[in-house]
């Protein structure tokens, strides 16, 4: 069984898509059984989705980086 540490590493990098079919299946099975890793996967997806939406809305905004930093720091 794949460890939580390895699942988290794969989820936070772009390496998961490059893995074999079996490794991706191992990760999916782990996510089905581990509430902590599945929560991390959901949070990462929400973060990616939010960043994509901000990029689409503010594509021409020169202050985008500054606003992202403020938003992520909670100010």
Protein backbone atom coordinates (compact mmCIF):
# COMPACT_ATOMS: atom_id res chain seq x y z
CA UNK A 1 0.00 0.00 0.00
CA UNK A 2 1.24 3.46 -0.89
CA UNK A 3 1.95 5.77 2.08
CA UNK A 4 0.24 9.07 2.85
CA UNK A 5 3.57 10.83 2.40
CA UNK A 6 3.96 9.45 -1.14
CA UNK A 7 0.35 10.23 -2.04
CA UNK A 8 0.73 13.82 -0.82
CA UNK A 9 3.96 14.21 -2.79
CA UNK A 10 2.29 12.97 -5.97
CA UNK A 11 -0.79 15.14 -5.45
CA UNK A 12 1.25 18.30 -4.89
CA UNK A 13 3.43 17.77 -7.95
CA UNK A 14 2.73 17.17 -11.61
CA UNK A 15 4.18 13.67 -11.34
CA UNK A 16 0.87 11.81 -10.93
CA UNK A 17 -0.12 12.01 -14.60
CA UNK A 18 3.28 10.64 -15.62
CA UNK A 19 2.90 7.56 -13.41
CA UNK A 20 1.84 4.12 -14.61
CA UNK A 21 -1.79 3.10 -14.68
CA UNK A 22 -1.19 0.86 -11.66
CA UNK A 23 0.40 3.66 -9.58
CA UNK A 24 -2.50 6.00 -10.37
CA UNK A 25 -4.90 3.23 -9.31
CA UNK A 26 -2.97 2.80 -6.05
CA UNK A 27 -3.39 6.52 -5.37
CA UNK A 28 -7.13 6.37 -6.14
CA UNK A 29 -7.58 3.40 -3.80
CA UNK A 30 -5.63 5.18 -1.09
CA UNK A 31 -7.79 8.30 -1.52
CA UNK A 32 -10.91 6.16 -1.20
CA UNK A 33 -9.71 4.80 2.14
CA UNK A 34 -7.83 7.73 3.71
CA UNK A 35 -9.90 10.71 4.80
CA UNK A 36 -6.82 12.87 5.36
CA UNK A 37 -5.37 12.39 1.87
CA UNK A 38 -8.79 12.73 0.23
CA UNK A 39 -9.27 16.01 2.11
CA UNK A 40 -5.87 17.19 0.84
CA UNK A 41 -6.85 16.23 -2.72
CA UNK A 42 -10.10 18.22 -2.45
CA UNK A 43 -8.29 21.24 -1.02
CA UNK A 44 -5.69 21.19 -3.78
CA UNK A 45 -8.42 20.94 -6.42
CA UNK A 46 -10.25 23.90 -4.88
CA UNK A 47 -7.02 25.90 -4.83
CA UNK A 48 -6.26 25.08 -8.48
CA UNK A 49 -9.82 25.93 -9.48
CA UNK A 50 -9.69 29.28 -7.66
CA UNK A 51 -6.38 30.22 -9.22
CA UNK A 52 -7.67 29.31 -12.70
CA UNK A 53 -10.79 31.44 -12.16
CA UNK A 54 -8.76 34.39 -10.93
CA UNK A 55 -6.46 34.08 -13.93
CA UNK A 56 -9.40 34.11 -16.33
CA UNK A 57 -11.00 37.14 -14.66
CA UNK A 58 -7.88 39.18 -14.12
CA UNK A 59 -5.77 38.26 -17.14
CA UNK A 60 -4.91 41.87 -17.99
CA UNK A 61 -4.66 43.08 -14.37
CA UNK A 62 -1.15 44.37 -13.59
CA UNK A 63 -1.84 44.06 -9.83
CA UNK A 64 -2.79 40.38 -9.98
CA UNK A 65 0.29 39.14 -8.13
CA UNK A 66 -0.17 41.66 -5.34
CA UNK A 67 -3.87 40.82 -4.95
CA UNK A 68 -3.11 37.08 -4.90
CA UNK A 69 -0.58 37.57 -2.11
CA UNK A 70 -3.06 39.63 -0.10
CA UNK A 71 -5.82 37.08 -0.60
CA UNK A 72 -3.64 34.11 0.34
CA UNK A 73 -2.29 35.86 3.44
CA UNK A 74 -5.83 36.66 4.62
CA UNK A 75 -5.50 40.44 4.52
